[in-house]
């Protein structure tokens, strides 16, 4: 995050962990870079160009994951991408 140039975009970082939001806000916040604590199972994001879902769905039940996906769809976002952390086999 620290090396990503976001000067040309409005960025909203969202996480359910309040301490993480506070730390990221303190380190990285600017007028165009904001952070919000929210639970995507019950919160609908604002309409944006891109939603990046990273390492979220794997932590949820199927019903919670479906609720997240419904809220993302309801947001009117133009695009969605995701990433899941893969555990390496030993």
PDB file of N, CA and C in Angstrom:
ATOM      1  N   UNK A   1       0.816  -1.193   0.000  1.00  0.00           N
ATOM      2  CA  UNK A   1       0.000   0.000   0.000  1.00  0.00           C
ATOM      3  C   UNK A   1       0.859   1.257   0.000  1.00  0.00           C
ATOM      4  N   UNK A   2       1.930   1.233   0.752  1.00  0.00           N
ATOM      5  CA  UNK A   2       2.770   2.423   0.874  1.00  0.00           C
ATOM      6  C   UNK A   2       3.420   2.807  -0.453  1.00  0.00           C
ATOM      7  N   UNK A   3       3.687   1.836  -1.317  1.00  0.00           N
ATOM      8  CA  UNK A   3       4.365   2.124  -2.581  1.00  0.00           C
ATOM      9  C   UNK A   3       3.413   2.282  -3.755  1.00  0.00           C
ATOM     10  N   UNK A   4       2.136   2.076  -3.525  1.00  0.00           N
ATOM     11  CA  UNK A   4       1.152   2.190  -4.594  1.00  0.00           C
ATOM     12  C   UNK A   4       0.759   3.648  -4.790  1.00  0.00           C
ATOM     13  N   UNK A   5       0.916   4.147  -6.003  1.00  0.00           N
ATOM     14  CA  UNK A   5       0.573   5.532  -6.306  1.00  0.00           C
ATOM     15  C   UNK A   5      -0.926   5.616  -6.592  1.00  0.00           C
ATOM     16  N   UNK A   6      -1.647   6.199  -5.663  1.00  0.00           N
ATOM     17  CA  UNK A   6      -3.095   6.335  -5.804  1.00  0.00           C
ATOM     18  C   UNK A   6      -3.522   7.783  -6.001  1.00  0.00           C
ATOM     19  N   UNK A   7      -2.600   8.637  -6.451  1.00  0.00           N
ATOM     20  CA  UNK A   7      -2.904  10.054  -6.593  1.00  0.00           C
ATOM     21  C   UNK A   7      -4.035  10.326  -7.573  1.00  0.00           C
ATOM     22  N   UNK A   8      -4.229   9.452  -8.543  1.00  0.00           N
ATOM     23  CA  UNK A   8      -5.220   9.691  -9.589  1.00  0.00           C
ATOM     24  C   UNK A   8      -6.581   9.070  -9.275  1.00  0.00           C
ATOM     25  N   UNK A   9      -6.724   8.370  -8.150  1.00  0.00           N
ATOM     26  CA  UNK A   9      -7.975   7.682  -7.862  1.00  0.00           C
ATOM     27  C   UNK A   9      -8.440   7.973  -6.435  1.00  0.00           C
ATOM     28  N   UNK A  10      -9.719   7.812  -6.223  1.00  0.00           N
ATOM     29  CA  UNK A  10     -10.259   7.804  -4.867  1.00  0.00           C
ATOM     30  C   UNK A  10     -10.241   6.347  -4.416  1.00  0.00           C
ATOM     31  N   UNK A  11      -9.636   6.087  -3.266  1.00  0.00           N
ATOM     32  CA  UNK A  11      -9.477   4.726  -2.762  1.00  0.00           C
ATOM     33  C   UNK A  11     -10.204   4.613  -1.436  1.00  0.00           C
ATOM     34  N   UNK A  12     -11.002   3.571  -1.282  1.00  0.00           N
ATOM     35  CA  UNK A  12     -11.659   3.265  -0.021  1.00  0.00           C
ATOM     36  C   UNK A  12     -11.285   1.846   0.372  1.00  0.00           C
ATOM     37  N   UNK A  13     -10.522   1.700   1.435  1.00  0.00           N
ATOM     38  CA  UNK A  13     -10.154   0.396   1.963  1.00  0.00           C
ATOM     39  C   UNK A  13     -11.114   0.018   3.074  1.00  0.00           C
ATOM     40  N   UNK A  14     -11.648  -1.193   3.014  1.00  0.00           N
ATOM     41  CA  UNK A  14     -12.650  -1.637   3.991  1.00  0.00           C
ATOM     42  C   UNK A  14     -12.195  -2.949   4.614  1.00  0.00           C
ATOM     43  N   UNK A  15     -12.376  -3.059   5.918  1.00  0.00           N
ATOM     44  CA  UNK A  15     -12.091  -4.300   6.628  1.00  0.00           C
ATOM     45  C   UNK A  15     -13.001  -4.366   7.834  1.00  0.00           C
ATOM     46  N   UNK A  16     -13.255  -5.547   8.318  1.00  0.00           N
ATOM     47  CA  UNK A  16     -14.087  -5.716   9.505  1.00  0.00           C
ATOM     48  C   UNK A  16     -13.292  -5.461  10.783  1.00  0.00           C
ATOM     49  N   UNK A  17     -11.960  -5.545  10.707  1.00  0.00           N
ATOM     50  CA  UNK A  17     -11.092  -5.407  11.882  1.00  0.00           C
ATOM     51  C   UNK A  17     -10.816  -3.924  12.143  1.00  0.00           C
ATOM     52  N   UNK A  18     -11.410  -3.423  13.212  1.00  0.00           N
ATOM     53  CA  UNK A  18     -11.312  -1.993  13.526  1.00  0.00           C
ATOM     54  C   UNK A  18      -9.871  -1.539  13.753  1.00  0.00           C
ATOM     55  N   UNK A  19      -9.055  -2.354  14.435  1.00  0.00           N
ATOM     56  CA  UNK A  19      -7.659  -1.981  14.690  1.00  0.00           C
ATOM     57  C   UNK A  19      -6.867  -1.850  13.390  1.00  0.00           C
ATOM     58  N   UNK A  20      -7.139  -2.709  12.427  1.00  0.00           N
ATOM     59  CA  UNK A  20      -6.469  -2.630  11.128  1.00  0.00           C
ATOM     60  C   UNK A  20      -6.854  -1.344  10.396  1.00  0.00           C
ATOM     61  N   UNK A  21      -8.115  -0.994  10.452  1.00  0.00           N
ATOM     62  CA  UNK A  21      -8.577   0.248   9.825  1.00  0.00           C
ATOM     63  C   UNK A  21      -7.909   1.452  10.484  1.00  0.00           C
ATOM     64  N   UNK A  22      -7.831   1.443  11.796  1.00  0.00           N
ATOM     65  CA  UNK A  22      -7.189   2.551  12.517  1.00  0.00           C
ATOM     66  C   UNK A  22      -5.715   2.671  12.140  1.00  0.00           C
ATOM     67  N   UNK A  23      -5.012   1.535  12.075  1.00  0.00           N
ATOM     68  CA  UNK A  23      -3.585   1.562  11.723  1.00  0.00           C
ATOM     69  C   UNK A  23      -3.375   2.039  10.290  1.00  0.00           C
ATOM     70  N   UNK A  24      -4.180   1.529   9.355  1.00  0.00           N
ATOM     71  CA  UNK A  24      -4.039   1.956   7.959  1.00  0.00           C
ATOM     72  C   UNK A  24      -4.418   3.419   7.785  1.00  0.00           C
ATOM     73  N   UNK A  25      -5.420   3.872   8.517  1.00  0.00           N
ATOM     74  CA  UNK A  25      -5.799   5.283   8.449  1.00  0.00           C
ATOM     75  C   UNK A  25      -4.662   6.168   8.928  1.00  0.00           C
ATOM     76  N   UNK A  26      -4.031   5.770  10.012  1.00  0.00           N
ATOM     77  CA  UNK A  26      -2.929   6.562  10.561  1.00  0.00           C
ATOM     78  C   UNK A  26      -1.744   6.590   9.597  1.00  0.00           C
ATOM     79  N   UNK A  27      -1.431   5.456   8.977  1.00  0.00           N
ATOM     80  CA  UNK A  27      -0.259   5.363   8.101  1.00  0.00           C
ATOM     81  C   UNK A  27      -0.483   5.922   6.703  1.00  0.00           C
ATOM     82  N   UNK A  28      -1.660   5.667   6.134  1.00  0.00           N
ATOM     83  CA  UNK A  28      -1.818   5.891   4.704  1.00  0.00           C
ATOM     84  C   UNK A  28      -2.909   6.874   4.300  1.00  0.00           C
ATOM     85  N   UNK A  29      -3.745   7.311   5.223  1.00  0.00           N
ATOM     86  CA  UNK A  29      -4.901   8.126   4.837  1.00  0.00           C
ATOM     87  C   UNK A  29      -4.475   9.464   4.226  1.00  0.00           C
ATOM     88  N   UNK A  30      -5.279   9.895   3.272  1.00  0.00           N
ATOM     89  CA  UNK A  30      -5.123  11.202   2.628  1.00  0.00           C
ATOM     90  C   UNK A  30      -6.513  11.595   2.145  1.00  0.00           C
ATOM     91  N   UNK A  31      -6.662  12.786   1.585  1.00  0.00           N
ATOM     92  CA  UNK A  31      -7.990  13.167   1.101  1.00  0.00           C
ATOM     93  C   UNK A  31      -8.572  12.191   0.066  1.00  0.00           C
ATOM     94  N   UNK A  32      -7.713  11.517  -0.698  1.00  0.00           N
ATOM     95  CA  UNK A  32      -8.192  10.581  -1.711  1.00  0.00           C
ATOM     96  C   UNK A  32      -8.014   9.118  -1.303  1.00  0.00           C
ATOM     97  N   UNK A  33      -7.524   8.892  -0.089  1.00  0.00           N
ATOM     98  CA  UNK A  33      -7.277   7.525   0.401  1.00  0.00           C
ATOM     99  C   UNK A  33      -7.913   7.395   1.781  1.00  0.00           C
ATOM    100  N   UNK A  34      -9.054   6.692   1.838  1.00  0.00           N
ATOM    101  CA  UNK A  34      -9.822   6.577   3.081  1.00  0.00           C
ATOM    102  C   UNK A  34      -9.971   5.108   3.471  1.00  0.00           C
ATOM    103  N   UNK A  35     -10.276   4.904   4.742  1.00  0.00           N
ATOM    104  CA  UNK A  35     -10.454   3.552   5.270  1.00  0.00           C
ATOM    105  C   UNK A  35     -11.719   3.520   6.120  1.00  0.00           C
ATOM    106  N   UNK A  36     -12.438   2.394   6.049  1.00  0.00           N
ATOM    107  CA  UNK A  36     -13.717   2.265   6.746  1.00  0.00           C
ATOM    108  C   UNK A  36     -13.841   0.871   7.328  1.00  0.00           C
ATOM    109  N   UNK A  37     -14.331   0.802   8.552  1.00  0.00           N
ATOM    110  CA  UNK A  37     -14.642  -0.478   9.166  1.00  0.00           C
ATOM    111  C   UNK A  37     -16.063  -0.831   8.759  1.00  0.00           C
ATOM    112  N   UNK A  38     -16.235  -2.029   8.198  1.00  0.00           N
ATOM    113  CA  UNK A  38     -17.561  -2.472   7.793  1.00  0.00           C
ATOM    114  C   UNK A  38     -17.575  -3.994   7.659  1.00  0.00           C
ATOM    115  N   UNK A  39     -18.758  -4.545   7.757  1.00  0.00           N
ATOM    116  CA  UNK A  39     -18.988  -5.981   7.601  1.00  0.00           C
ATOM    117  C   UNK A  39     -19.718  -6.180   6.285  1.00  0.00           C
ATOM    118  N   UNK A  40     -19.044  -6.733   5.312  1.00  0.00           N
ATOM    119  CA  UNK A  40     -19.606  -6.867   3.970  1.00  0.00           C
ATOM    120  C   UNK A  40     -20.798  -7.822   3.917  1.00  0.00           C
ATOM    121  N   UNK A  41     -21.017  -8.595   4.975  1.00  0.00           N
ATOM    122  CA  UNK A  41     -22.204  -9.449   4.993  1.00  0.00           C
ATOM    123  C   UNK A  41     -23.471  -8.634   5.238  1.00  0.00           C
ATOM    124  N   UNK A  42     -23.317  -7.419   5.756  1.00  0.00           N
ATOM    125  CA  UNK A  42     -24.482  -6.579   6.052  1.00  0.00           C
ATOM    126  C   UNK A  42     -24.367  -5.159   5.515  1.00  0.00           C
ATOM    127  N   UNK A  43     -23.311  -4.840   4.807  1.00  0.00           N
ATOM    128  CA  UNK A  43     -23.050  -3.493   4.299  1.00  0.00           C
ATOM    129  C   UNK A  43     -22.923  -3.547   2.785  1.00  0.00           C
ATOM    130  N   UNK A  44     -23.572  -2.623   2.110  1.00  0.00           N
ATOM    131  CA  UNK A  44     -23.463  -2.535   0.658  1.00  0.00           C
ATOM    132  C   UNK A  44     -22.476  -1.437   0.309  1.00  0.00           C
ATOM    133  N   UNK A  45     -21.407  -1.772  -0.411  1.00  0.00           N
ATOM    134  CA  UNK A  45     -20.424  -0.756  -0.801  1.00  0.00           C
ATOM    135  C   UNK A  45     -21.051   0.296  -1.706  1.00  0.00           C
ATOM    136  N   UNK A  46     -20.434   1.473  -1.771  1.00  0.00           N
ATOM    137  CA  UNK A  46     -20.922   2.488  -2.693  1.00  0.00           C
ATOM    138  C   UNK A  46     -20.614   2.067  -4.132  1.00  0.00           C
ATOM    139  N   UNK A  47     -21.309   2.650  -5.109  1.00  0.00           N
ATOM    140  CA  UNK A  47     -20.989   2.327  -6.503  1.00  0.00           C
ATOM    141  C   UNK A  47     -19.594   2.852  -6.852  1.00  0.00           C
ATOM    142  N   UNK A  48     -18.749   1.958  -7.316  1.00  0.00           N
ATOM    143  CA  UNK A  48     -17.362   2.306  -7.643  1.00  0.00           C
ATOM    144  C   UNK A  48     -16.964   1.631  -8.948  1.00  0.00           C
ATOM    145  N   UNK A  49     -15.779   1.958  -9.445  1.00  0.00           N
ATOM    146  CA  UNK A  49     -15.286   1.337 -10.672  1.00  0.00           C
ATOM    147  C   UNK A  49     -14.812  -0.091 -10.441  1.00  0.00           C
ATOM    148  N   UNK A  50     -14.189  -0.352  -9.274  1.00  0.00           N
ATOM    149  CA  UNK A  50     -13.607  -1.669  -9.025  1.00  0.00           C
ATOM    150  C   UNK A  50     -13.690  -2.010  -7.543  1.00  0.00           C
ATOM    151  N   UNK A  51     -14.127  -3.219  -7.251  1.00  0.00           N
ATOM    152  CA  UNK A  51     -14.067  -3.764  -5.896  1.00  0.00           C
ATOM    153  C   UNK A  51     -13.078  -4.920  -5.928  1.00  0.00           C
ATOM    154  N   UNK A  52     -12.094  -4.857  -5.023  1.00  0.00           N
ATOM    155  CA  UNK A  52     -11.115  -5.927  -4.888  1.00  0.00           C
ATOM    156  C   UNK A  52     -11.425  -6.653  -3.586  1.00  0.00           C
ATOM    157  N   UNK A  53     -11.753  -7.935  -3.685  1.00  0.00           N
ATOM    158  CA  UNK A  53     -12.051  -8.750  -2.509  1.00  0.00           C
ATOM    159  C   UNK A  53     -10.847  -9.651  -2.290  1.00  0.00           C
ATOM    160  N   UNK A  54     -10.150  -9.409  -1.197  1.00  0.00           N
ATOM    161  CA  UNK A  54      -8.907 -10.145  -0.960  1.00  0.00           C
ATOM    162  C   UNK A  54      -8.983 -10.918   0.347  1.00  0.00           C
ATOM    163  N   UNK A  55      -8.784 -12.226   0.262  1.00  0.00           N
ATOM    164  CA  UNK A  55      -8.710 -13.090   1.443  1.00  0.00           C
ATOM    165  C   UNK A  55      -9.909 -12.909   2.372  1.00  0.00           C
ATOM    166  N   UNK A  56     -11.096 -12.851   1.812  1.00  0.00           N
ATOM    167  CA  UNK A  56     -12.294 -12.662   2.614  1.00  0.00           C
ATOM    168  C   UNK A  56     -13.181 -13.909   2.638  1.00  0.00           C
ATOM    169  N   UNK A  57     -13.601 -14.336   1.477  1.00  0.00           N
ATOM    170  CA  UNK A  57     -14.644 -15.361   1.405  1.00  0.00           C
ATOM    171  C   UNK A  57     -14.243 -16.670   2.072  1.00  0.00           C
ATOM    172  N   UNK A  58     -12.975 -16.986   2.080  1.00  0.00           N
ATOM    173  CA  UNK A  58     -12.505 -18.239   2.682  1.00  0.00           C
ATOM    174  C   UNK A  58     -12.768 -18.292   4.188  1.00  0.00           C
ATOM    175  N   UNK A  59     -12.948 -17.130   4.807  1.00  0.00           N
ATOM    176  CA  UNK A  59     -13.168 -17.059   6.252  1.00  0.00           C
ATOM    177  C   UNK A  59     -14.646 -17.135   6.628  1.00  0.00           C
ATOM    178  N   UNK A  60     -15.527 -17.213   5.637  1.00  0.00           N
ATOM    179  CA  UNK A  60     -16.964 -17.109   5.884  1.00  0.00           C
ATOM    180  C   UNK A  60     -17.689 -18.424   5.650  1.00  0.00           C
ATOM    181  N   UNK A  61     -18.861 -18.523   6.243  1.00  0.00           N
ATOM    182  CA  UNK A  61     -19.741 -19.644   5.917  1.00  0.00           C
ATOM    183  C   UNK A  61     -20.290 -19.404   4.507  1.00  0.00           C
ATOM    184  N   UNK A  62     -20.898 -20.423   3.936  1.00  0.00           N
ATOM    185  CA  UNK A  62     -21.494 -20.255   2.607  1.00  0.00           C
ATOM    186  C   UNK A  62     -22.556 -19.162   2.608  1.00  0.00           C
ATOM    187  N   UNK A  63     -23.405 -19.128   3.632  1.00  0.00           N
ATOM    188  CA  UNK A  63     -24.448 -18.105   3.713  1.00  0.00           C
ATOM    189  C   UNK A  63     -23.856 -16.707   3.823  1.00  0.00           C
ATOM    190  N   UNK A  64     -22.787 -16.551   4.604  1.00  0.00           N
ATOM    191  CA  UNK A  64     -22.136 -15.246   4.727  1.00  0.00           C
ATOM    192  C   UNK A  64     -21.499 -14.827   3.402  1.00  0.00           C
ATOM    193  N   UNK A  65     -20.848 -15.772   2.724  1.00  0.00           N
ATOM    194  CA  UNK A  65     -20.222 -15.476   1.434  1.00  0.00           C
ATOM    195  C   UNK A  65     -21.273 -15.038   0.416  1.00  0.00           C
ATOM    196  N   UNK A  66     -22.410 -15.710   0.407  1.00  0.00           N
ATOM    197  CA  UNK A  66     -23.484 -15.333  -0.505  1.00  0.00           C
ATOM    198  C   UNK A  66     -23.994 -13.933  -0.173  1.00  0.00           C
ATOM    199  N   UNK A  67     -24.126 -13.613   1.109  1.00  0.00           N
ATOM    200  CA  UNK A  67     -24.549 -12.267   1.511  1.00  0.00           C
ATOM    201  C   UNK A  67     -23.559 -11.211   1.019  1.00  0.00           C
ATOM    202  N   UNK A  68     -22.261 -11.503   1.147  1.00  0.00           N
ATOM    203  CA  UNK A  68     -21.228 -10.582   0.646  1.00  0.00           C
ATOM    204  C   UNK A  68     -21.377 -10.370  -0.853  1.00  0.00           C
ATOM    205  N   UNK A  69     -21.518 -11.451  -1.586  1.00  0.00           N
ATOM    206  CA  UNK A  69     -21.623 -11.345  -3.040  1.00  0.00           C
ATOM    207  C   UNK A  69     -22.888 -10.599  -3.453  1.00  0.00           C
ATOM    208  N   UNK A  70     -23.971 -10.793  -2.724  1.00  0.00           N
ATOM    209  CA  UNK A  70     -25.204 -10.041  -3.013  1.00  0.00           C
ATOM    210  C   UNK A  70     -25.010  -8.556  -2.759  1.00  0.00           C
ATOM    211  N   UNK A  71     -24.332  -8.204  -1.685  1.00  0.00           N
ATOM    212  CA  UNK A  71     -24.079  -6.793  -1.381  1.00  0.00           C
ATOM    213  C   UNK A  71     -23.152  -6.162  -2.407  1.00  0.00           C
ATOM    214  N   UNK A  72     -22.169  -6.914  -2.856  1.00  0.00           N
ATOM    215  CA  UNK A  72     -21.287  -6.402  -3.918  1.00  0.00           C
ATOM    216  C   UNK A  72     -22.092  -6.163  -5.194  1.00  0.00           C
ATOM    217  N   UNK A  73     -22.946  -7.127  -5.563  1.00  0.00           N
ATOM    218  CA  UNK A  73     -23.780  -6.978  -6.760  1.00  0.00           C
ATOM    219  C   UNK A  73     -24.715  -5.779  -6.625  1.00  0.00           C
ATOM    220  N   UNK A  74     -25.258  -5.574  -5.425  1.00  0.00           N
ATOM    221  CA  UNK A  74     -26.183  -4.460  -5.190  1.00  0.00           C
ATOM    222  C   UNK A  74     -25.490  -3.100  -5.227  1.00  0.00           C
ATOM    223  N   UNK A  75     -24.169  -3.096  -5.098  1.00  0.00           N
ATOM    224  CA  UNK A  75     -23.432  -1.823  -5.061  1.00  0.00           C
ATOM    225  C   UNK A  75     -23.428  -1.104  -6.396  1.00  0.00           C
ATOM    226  N   UNK A  76     -23.587  -1.853  -7.478  1.00  0.00           N
ATOM    227  CA  UNK A  76     -23.507  -1.233  -8.797  1.00  0.00           C
ATOM    228  C   UNK A  76     -22.082  -1.030  -9.276  1.00  0.00           C
ATOM    229  N   UNK A  77     -21.122  -1.704  -8.637  1.00  0.00           N
ATOM    230  CA  UNK A  77     -19.720  -1.584  -9.057  1.00  0.00           C
ATOM    231  C   UNK A  77     -19.560  -2.041 -10.503  1.00  0.00           C
ATOM    232  N   UNK A  78     -18.654  -1.392 -11.213  1.00  0.00           N
ATOM    233  CA  UNK A  78     -18.406  -1.733 -12.613  1.00  0.00           C
ATOM    234  C   UNK A  78     -17.685  -3.063 -12.773  1.00  0.00           C
ATOM    235  N   UNK A  79     -16.794  -3.389 -11.820  1.00  0.00           N
ATOM    236  CA  UNK A  79     -16.004  -4.617 -11.920  1.00  0.00           C
ATOM    237  C   UNK A  79     -15.646  -5.114 -10.523  1.00  0.00           C
ATOM    238  N   UNK A  80     -15.434  -6.426 -10.435  1.00  0.00           N
ATOM    239  CA  UNK A  80     -15.035  -7.061  -9.175  1.00  0.00           C
ATOM    240  C   UNK A  80     -13.916  -8.041  -9.490  1.00  0.00           C
ATOM    241  N   UNK A  81     -12.918  -8.069  -8.629  1.00  0.00           N
ATOM    242  CA  UNK A  81     -11.864  -9.067  -8.746  1.00  0.00           C
ATOM    243  C   UNK A  81     -11.577  -9.596  -7.341  1.00  0.00           C
ATOM    244  N   UNK A  82     -10.993 -10.770  -7.272  1.00  0.00           N
ATOM    245  CA  UNK A  82     -10.738 -11.350  -5.963  1.00  0.00           C
ATOM    246  C   UNK A  82      -9.454 -12.134  -5.917  1.00  0.00           C
ATOM    247  N   UNK A  83      -9.013 -12.391  -4.703  1.00  0.00           N
ATOM    248  CA  UNK A  83      -7.810 -13.176  -4.483  1.00  0.00           C
ATOM    249  C   UNK A  83      -8.009 -13.969  -3.203  1.00  0.00           C
ATOM    250  N   UNK A  84      -7.550 -15.201  -3.220  1.00  0.00           N
ATOM    251  CA  UNK A  84      -7.590 -16.054  -2.036  1.00  0.00           C
ATOM    252  C   UNK A  84      -6.176 -16.523  -1.748  1.00  0.00           C
ATOM    253  N   UNK A  85      -5.766 -16.376  -0.510  1.00  0.00           N
ATOM    254  CA  UNK A  85      -4.448 -16.842  -0.073  1.00  0.00           C
ATOM    255  C   UNK A  85      -4.402 -18.361  -0.213  1.00  0.00           C
ATOM    256  N   UNK A  86      -3.396 -18.861  -0.880  1.00  0.00           N
ATOM    257  CA  UNK A  86      -3.249 -20.305  -1.045  1.00  0.00           C
ATOM    258  C   UNK A  86      -2.197 -20.827  -0.074  1.00  0.00           C
ATOM    259  N   UNK A  87      -2.537 -21.875   0.613  1.00  0.00           N
ATOM    260  CA  UNK A  87      -1.611 -22.515   1.543  1.00  0.00           C
ATOM    261  C   UNK A  87      -0.752 -23.494   0.754  1.00  0.00           C
ATOM    262  N   UNK A  88       0.551 -23.360   0.915  1.00  0.00           N
ATOM    263  CA  UNK A  88       1.476 -24.261   0.220  1.00  0.00           C
ATOM    264  C   UNK A  88       1.516 -25.613   0.894  1.00  0.00           C
ATOM    265  N   UNK A  89       1.531 -26.642   0.080  1.00  0.00           N
ATOM    266  CA  UNK A  89       1.669 -27.993   0.626  1.00  0.00           C
ATOM    267  C   UNK A  89       3.109 -28.207   1.050  1.00  0.00           C
ATOM    268  N   UNK A  90       3.295 -28.945   2.128  1.00  0.00           N
ATOM    269  CA  UNK A  90       4.659 -29.200   2.605  1.00  0.00           C
ATOM    270  C   UNK A  90       5.054 -30.597   2.312  1.00  0.00           C
TER     271      UNK A  90
END
